[in-house]
Amino acid sequence: MENTFLYLSSCSTCIRIINELKIQDAAYLQDVKKQKITPEQLAFLYAHTDSYETLINKRGRVYAQLKKEGEPLTEATYKALLDQEYSCLKRPILIWNDEIFLGNSKATVAQMNVALNG
């Protein structure tokens, strides 16, 4: 899988992390609002996590609305959400040398930094 940093340009946390990692002008940045996650990327992420639920942003409005409506949430539902709605993807995600770093915790950002800068 090609090295990629998946983020949302309207997410202040993503922008802060991009600045912290000093990758503002990197060619591998992918704003999921402008360039949707590809089926190949989604399959790669699923292969590493064994769960579409792990890839869901549970703080997002779409997810909250589904929970409120009592919609049964299955792996198929999560996959459909990820295919249809960019805001449902947990972010940021760094795909680097066939490893993935998912989320914005301090520990994950530190791991991203090590992966990017050695």
N, C-alpha and C. Protein backbone atom coordinates (compact mmCIF):
# COMPACT_ATOMS: atom_id res chain seq x y z
N MET A 1 0.85 -1.18 0.00
CA MET A 1 0.00 0.00 0.00
C MET A 1 0.90 1.24 0.00
N GLU A 2 0.48 2.21 -0.76
CA GLU A 2 1.23 3.47 -0.87
C GLU A 2 1.18 4.24 0.46
N ASN A 3 2.30 4.87 0.83
CA ASN A 3 2.35 5.68 2.04
C ASN A 3 1.37 6.84 1.91
N THR A 4 0.50 6.99 2.92
CA THR A 4 -0.56 7.99 2.88
C THR A 4 -0.87 8.48 4.28
N PHE A 5 -1.22 9.76 4.38
CA PHE A 5 -1.71 10.33 5.64
C PHE A 5 -3.14 10.80 5.35
N LEU A 6 -4.12 10.06 5.87
CA LEU A 6 -5.53 10.39 5.67
C LEU A 6 -5.97 11.34 6.78
N TYR A 7 -6.56 12.46 6.36
CA TYR A 7 -6.99 13.47 7.33
C TYR A 7 -8.18 14.23 6.77
N LEU A 8 -8.75 15.09 7.58
CA LEU A 8 -9.85 15.96 7.17
C LEU A 8 -9.40 17.40 7.35
N SER A 9 -9.44 18.17 6.28
CA SER A 9 -8.90 19.53 6.31
C SER A 9 -9.68 20.46 7.25
N SER A 10 -10.92 20.13 7.54
CA SER A 10 -11.70 20.97 8.44
C SER A 10 -11.58 20.53 9.91
N CYS A 11 -10.73 19.55 10.17
CA CYS A 11 -10.51 19.03 11.53
C CYS A 11 -9.29 19.71 12.13
N SER A 12 -9.50 20.51 13.14
CA SER A 12 -8.38 21.24 13.76
C SER A 12 -7.36 20.31 14.39
N THR A 13 -7.80 19.18 14.90
CA THR A 13 -6.87 18.21 15.49
C THR A 13 -5.96 17.63 14.41
N CYS A 14 -6.53 17.30 13.26
CA CYS A 14 -5.72 16.78 12.15
C CYS A 14 -4.68 17.81 11.72
N ILE A 15 -5.09 19.06 11.59
CA ILE A 15 -4.17 20.12 11.17
C ILE A 15 -3.07 20.31 12.21
N ARG A 16 -3.42 20.26 13.49
CA ARG A 16 -2.42 20.38 14.56
C ARG A 16 -1.40 19.25 14.45
N ILE A 17 -1.87 18.04 14.20
CA ILE A 17 -0.97 16.88 14.11
C ILE A 17 -0.08 17.00 12.86
N ILE A 18 -0.64 17.43 11.75
CA ILE A 18 0.16 17.64 10.53
C ILE A 18 1.28 18.64 10.81
N ASN A 19 0.95 19.72 11.51
CA ASN A 19 1.96 20.72 11.86
C ASN A 19 2.99 20.15 12.82
N GLU A 20 2.53 19.38 13.79
CA GLU A 20 3.43 18.78 14.77
C GLU A 20 4.41 17.81 14.10
N LEU A 21 3.92 17.06 13.11
CA LEU A 21 4.76 16.11 12.38
C LEU A 21 5.58 16.77 11.28
N LYS A 22 5.30 18.06 11.04
CA LYS A 22 6.01 18.84 10.01
C LYS A 22 5.87 18.22 8.62
N ILE A 23 4.64 17.87 8.26
CA ILE A 23 4.38 17.26 6.96
C ILE A 23 3.38 18.09 6.14
N GLN A 24 3.32 19.40 6.39
CA GLN A 24 2.34 20.27 5.75
C GLN A 24 2.37 20.19 4.22
N ASP A 25 3.53 20.02 3.64
CA ASP A 25 3.66 20.02 2.18
C ASP A 25 3.94 18.63 1.61
N ALA A 26 3.72 17.61 2.40
CA ALA A 26 4.03 16.25 1.96
C ALA A 26 3.09 15.81 0.82
N ALA A 27 3.65 15.12 -0.13
CA ALA A 27 2.88 14.64 -1.28
C ALA A 27 1.90 13.53 -0.91
N TYR A 28 2.11 12.88 0.22
CA TYR A 28 1.27 11.75 0.61
C TYR A 28 0.06 12.14 1.45
N LEU A 29 -0.19 13.44 1.64
CA LEU A 29 -1.38 13.89 2.37
C LEU A 29 -2.63 13.65 1.52
N GLN A 30 -3.67 13.12 2.13
CA GLN A 30 -4.94 12.88 1.43
C GLN A 30 -6.08 13.39 2.28
N ASP A 31 -6.68 14.49 1.84
CA ASP A 31 -7.85 15.05 2.51
C ASP A 31 -9.06 14.22 2.08
N VAL A 32 -9.63 13.46 3.02
CA VAL A 32 -10.72 12.54 2.67
C VAL A 32 -12.00 13.26 2.26
N LYS A 33 -12.07 14.55 2.52
CA LYS A 33 -13.23 15.32 2.07
C LYS A 33 -13.13 15.58 0.56
N LYS A 34 -11.91 15.80 0.08
CA LYS A 34 -11.69 16.10 -1.34
C LYS A 34 -11.38 14.87 -2.16
N GLN A 35 -10.72 13.91 -1.54
CA GLN A 35 -10.33 12.68 -2.23
C GLN A 35 -10.73 11.50 -1.34
N LYS A 36 -11.89 10.91 -1.64
CA LYS A 36 -12.42 9.83 -0.82
C LYS A 36 -11.42 8.70 -0.63
N ILE A 37 -11.57 8.03 0.49
CA ILE A 37 -10.77 6.83 0.72
C ILE A 37 -11.13 5.81 -0.36
N THR A 38 -10.13 5.16 -0.91
CA THR A 38 -10.38 4.22 -2.00
C THR A 38 -10.80 2.86 -1.43
N PRO A 39 -11.47 2.05 -2.24
CA PRO A 39 -11.81 0.70 -1.78
C PRO A 39 -10.56 -0.10 -1.40
N GLU A 40 -9.46 0.12 -2.12
CA GLU A 40 -8.21 -0.58 -1.81
C GLU A 40 -7.67 -0.14 -0.45
N GLN A 41 -7.72 1.16 -0.16
CA GLN A 41 -7.26 1.65 1.13
C GLN A 41 -8.12 1.09 2.25
N LEU A 42 -9.44 1.09 2.04
CA LEU A 42 -10.35 0.57 3.05
C LEU A 42 -10.10 -0.92 3.30
N ALA A 43 -9.88 -1.67 2.24
CA ALA A 43 -9.59 -3.10 2.38
C ALA A 43 -8.28 -3.32 3.14
N PHE A 44 -7.27 -2.49 2.85
CA PHE A 44 -5.98 -2.58 3.54
C PHE A 44 -6.16 -2.29 5.03
N LEU A 45 -6.91 -1.23 5.35
CA LEU A 45 -7.14 -0.88 6.76
C LEU A 45 -7.91 -1.99 7.47
N TYR A 46 -8.91 -2.55 6.80
CA TYR A 46 -9.68 -3.64 7.39
C TYR A 46 -8.78 -4.86 7.64
N ALA A 47 -7.91 -5.16 6.70
CA ALA A 47 -7.00 -6.31 6.85
C ALA A 47 -6.10 -6.15 8.07
N HIS A 48 -5.77 -4.89 8.42
CA HIS A 48 -4.90 -4.65 9.58
C HIS A 48 -5.66 -4.55 10.90
N THR A 49 -6.94 -4.24 10.84
CA THR A 49 -7.71 -4.07 12.08
C THR A 49 -8.72 -5.18 12.32
N ASP A 50 -9.08 -5.91 11.27
CA ASP A 50 -10.11 -6.96 11.34
C ASP A 50 -11.46 -6.43 11.79
N SER A 51 -11.68 -5.12 11.62
CA SER A 51 -12.94 -4.54 12.07
C SER A 51 -13.18 -3.19 11.40
N TYR A 52 -14.36 -3.05 10.79
CA TYR A 52 -14.73 -1.74 10.26
C TYR A 52 -15.10 -0.80 11.41
N GLU A 53 -15.62 -1.36 12.49
CA GLU A 53 -16.00 -0.54 13.64
C GLU A 53 -14.80 0.24 14.18
N THR A 54 -13.62 -0.38 14.18
CA THR A 54 -12.40 0.28 14.65
C THR A 54 -12.09 1.52 13.83
N LEU A 55 -12.52 1.54 12.58
CA LEU A 55 -12.22 2.64 11.66
C LEU A 55 -13.25 3.76 11.71
N ILE A 56 -14.28 3.60 12.55
CA ILE A 56 -15.37 4.58 12.63
C ILE A 56 -15.06 5.67 13.64
N ASN A 57 -15.34 6.91 13.22
CA ASN A 57 -15.26 8.06 14.12
C ASN A 57 -16.55 8.08 14.94
N LYS A 58 -16.48 7.67 16.18
CA LYS A 58 -17.68 7.57 17.01
C LYS A 58 -18.10 8.89 17.62
N ARG A 59 -17.37 9.95 17.32
CA ARG A 59 -17.74 11.29 17.79
C ARG A 59 -18.50 12.07 16.71
N GLY A 60 -18.61 11.49 15.53
CA GLY A 60 -19.24 12.18 14.40
C GLY A 60 -20.75 12.24 14.50
N ARG A 61 -21.32 13.21 13.80
CA ARG A 61 -22.77 13.43 13.82
C ARG A 61 -23.54 12.28 13.18
N VAL A 62 -23.02 11.75 12.09
CA VAL A 62 -23.72 10.67 11.39
C VAL A 62 -23.83 9.44 12.30
N TYR A 63 -22.74 9.09 12.94
CA TYR A 63 -22.74 7.94 13.86
C TYR A 63 -23.70 8.21 15.03
N ALA A 64 -23.64 9.41 15.59
CA ALA A 64 -24.52 9.75 16.72
C ALA A 64 -25.98 9.65 16.31
N GLN A 65 -26.31 10.08 15.11
CA GLN A 65 -27.69 10.01 14.63
C GLN A 65 -28.15 8.56 14.49
N LEU A 66 -27.30 7.70 13.98
CA LEU A 66 -27.65 6.29 13.85
C LEU A 66 -27.89 5.66 15.22
N LYS A 67 -27.04 5.98 16.16
CA LYS A 67 -27.22 5.46 17.53
C LYS A 67 -28.54 5.95 18.12
N LYS A 68 -28.84 7.22 17.89
CA LYS A 68 -30.07 7.82 18.41
C LYS A 68 -31.31 7.16 17.81
N GLU A 69 -31.23 6.80 16.54
CA GLU A 69 -32.36 6.17 15.85
C GLU A 69 -32.49 4.70 16.22
N GLY A 70 -31.52 4.18 16.93
CA GLY A 70 -31.56 2.78 17.33
C GLY A 70 -31.23 1.83 16.19
N GLU A 71 -30.58 2.35 15.17
CA GLU A 71 -30.17 1.55 14.02
C GLU A 71 -29.23 0.43 14.49
N PRO A 72 -29.50 -0.82 14.09
CA PRO A 72 -28.56 -1.88 14.45
C PRO A 72 -27.24 -1.69 13.69
N LEU A 73 -26.15 -1.62 14.43
CA LEU A 73 -24.86 -1.35 13.83
C LEU A 73 -24.05 -2.64 13.71
N THR A 74 -23.88 -3.08 12.49
CA THR A 74 -23.14 -4.30 12.20
C THR A 74 -21.88 -3.94 11.41
N GLU A 75 -21.04 -4.92 11.18
CA GLU A 75 -19.85 -4.67 10.36
C GLU A 75 -20.26 -4.18 8.97
N ALA A 76 -21.35 -4.72 8.44
CA ALA A 76 -21.84 -4.29 7.12
C ALA A 76 -22.28 -2.82 7.17
N THR A 77 -22.93 -2.43 8.26
CA THR A 77 -23.35 -1.04 8.43
C THR A 77 -22.14 -0.12 8.50
N TYR A 78 -21.15 -0.52 9.27
CA TYR A 78 -19.94 0.29 9.40
C TYR A 78 -19.23 0.43 8.05
N LYS A 79 -19.15 -0.67 7.28
CA LYS A 79 -18.50 -0.61 5.97
C LYS A 79 -19.26 0.34 5.05
N ALA A 80 -20.58 0.25 5.06
CA ALA A 80 -21.40 1.14 4.23
C ALA A 80 -21.19 2.60 4.62
N LEU A 81 -21.11 2.87 5.92
CA LEU A 81 -20.85 4.24 6.38
C LEU A 81 -19.51 4.75 5.86
N LEU A 82 -18.50 3.92 5.95
CA LEU A 82 -17.16 4.32 5.50
C LEU A 82 -17.12 4.53 3.98
N ASP A 83 -17.90 3.75 3.25
CA ASP A 83 -17.97 3.91 1.80
C ASP A 83 -18.69 5.19 1.39
N GLN A 84 -19.70 5.58 2.19
CA GLN A 84 -20.59 6.67 1.80
C GLN A 84 -20.25 8.02 2.41
N GLU A 85 -19.74 8.05 3.61
CA GLU A 85 -19.61 9.30 4.35
C GLU A 85 -18.18 9.50 4.87
N TYR A 86 -17.47 10.46 4.28
CA TYR A 86 -16.08 10.70 4.66
C TYR A 86 -15.91 11.05 6.13
N SER A 87 -16.91 11.70 6.72
CA SER A 87 -16.77 12.15 8.11
C SER A 87 -16.84 10.99 9.11
N CYS A 88 -17.21 9.82 8.64
CA CYS A 88 -17.30 8.66 9.54
C CYS A 88 -15.95 7.97 9.76
N LEU A 89 -14.96 8.34 8.98
CA LEU A 89 -13.64 7.73 9.12
C LEU A 89 -12.91 8.32 10.32
N LYS A 90 -12.43 7.44 11.19
CA LYS A 90 -11.60 7.89 12.30
C LYS A 90 -10.33 8.49 11.72
N ARG A 91 -9.86 9.56 12.31
CA ARG A 91 -8.72 10.25 11.72
C ARG A 91 -7.86 10.90 12.77
N PRO A 92 -6.64 11.22 12.41
CA PRO A 92 -5.97 10.89 11.17
C PRO A 92 -5.53 9.43 11.15
N ILE A 93 -5.18 8.98 9.94
CA ILE A 93 -4.64 7.64 9.76
C ILE A 93 -3.36 7.77 8.93
N LEU A 94 -2.29 7.23 9.45
CA LEU A 94 -1.04 7.18 8.70
C LEU A 94 -0.82 5.74 8.24
N ILE A 95 -0.70 5.57 6.93
CA ILE A 95 -0.30 4.29 6.36
C ILE A 95 1.15 4.49 5.94
N TRP A 96 2.04 3.78 6.60
CA TRP A 96 3.47 4.00 6.36
C TRP A 96 4.21 2.68 6.35
N ASN A 97 4.84 2.35 5.25
CA ASN A 97 5.59 1.10 5.11
C ASN A 97 4.76 -0.11 5.55
N ASP A 98 3.52 -0.14 5.06
CA ASP A 98 2.56 -1.23 5.32
C ASP A 98 2.16 -1.38 6.78
N GLU A 99 2.36 -0.35 7.58
CA GLU A 99 1.84 -0.30 8.95
C GLU A 99 0.79 0.79 8.99
N ILE A 100 -0.13 0.68 9.96
CA ILE A 100 -1.11 1.76 10.12
C ILE A 100 -1.02 2.33 11.53
N PHE A 101 -1.26 3.63 11.60
CA PHE A 101 -1.32 4.36 12.86
C PHE A 101 -2.65 5.10 12.83
N LEU A 102 -3.52 4.75 13.74
CA LEU A 102 -4.92 5.18 13.69
C LEU A 102 -5.29 6.03 14.90
N GLY A 103 -5.73 7.25 14.64
CA GLY A 103 -6.25 8.09 15.71
C GLY A 103 -5.31 9.21 16.10
N ASN A 104 -5.73 9.93 17.15
CA ASN A 104 -5.00 11.15 17.51
C ASN A 104 -4.50 11.17 18.95
N SER A 105 -4.39 10.01 19.56
CA SER A 105 -3.86 9.98 20.93
C SER A 105 -2.39 10.39 20.91
N LYS A 106 -1.89 10.88 22.03
CA LYS A 106 -0.49 11.29 22.12
C LYS A 106 0.44 10.14 21.76
N ALA A 107 0.13 8.95 22.23
CA ALA A 107 0.97 7.78 21.96
C ALA A 107 0.99 7.46 20.47
N THR A 108 -0.17 7.54 19.82
CA THR A 108 -0.24 7.26 18.39
C THR A 108 0.52 8.30 17.58
N VAL A 109 0.38 9.57 17.94
CA VAL A 109 1.10 10.64 17.24
C VAL A 109 2.60 10.46 17.43
N ALA A 110 3.03 10.05 18.62
CA ALA A 110 4.45 9.78 18.86
C ALA A 110 4.94 8.64 17.97
N GLN A 111 4.12 7.59 17.81
CA GLN A 111 4.47 6.48 16.94
C GLN A 111 4.55 6.93 15.48
N MET A 112 3.62 7.82 15.07
CA MET A 112 3.66 8.37 13.72
C MET A 112 4.97 9.11 13.49
N ASN A 113 5.37 9.89 14.48
CA ASN A 113 6.59 10.68 14.38
C ASN A 113 7.81 9.77 14.21
N VAL A 114 7.86 8.70 14.98
CA VAL A 114 8.97 7.75 14.88
C VAL A 114 8.96 7.08 13.50
N ALA A 115 7.79 6.68 13.02
CA ALA A 115 7.68 6.03 11.71
C ALA A 115 8.16 6.97 10.60
N LEU A 116 7.77 8.23 10.68
CA LEU A 116 8.11 9.19 9.64
C LEU A 116 9.56 9.65 9.70
N ASN A 117 10.09 9.80 10.91
CA ASN A 117 11.41 10.43 11.07
C ASN A 117 12.49 9.51 11.63
N GLY A 118 12.11 8.27 11.90
CA GLY A 118 13.11 7.31 12.40
C GLY A 118 13.47 7.44 13.84
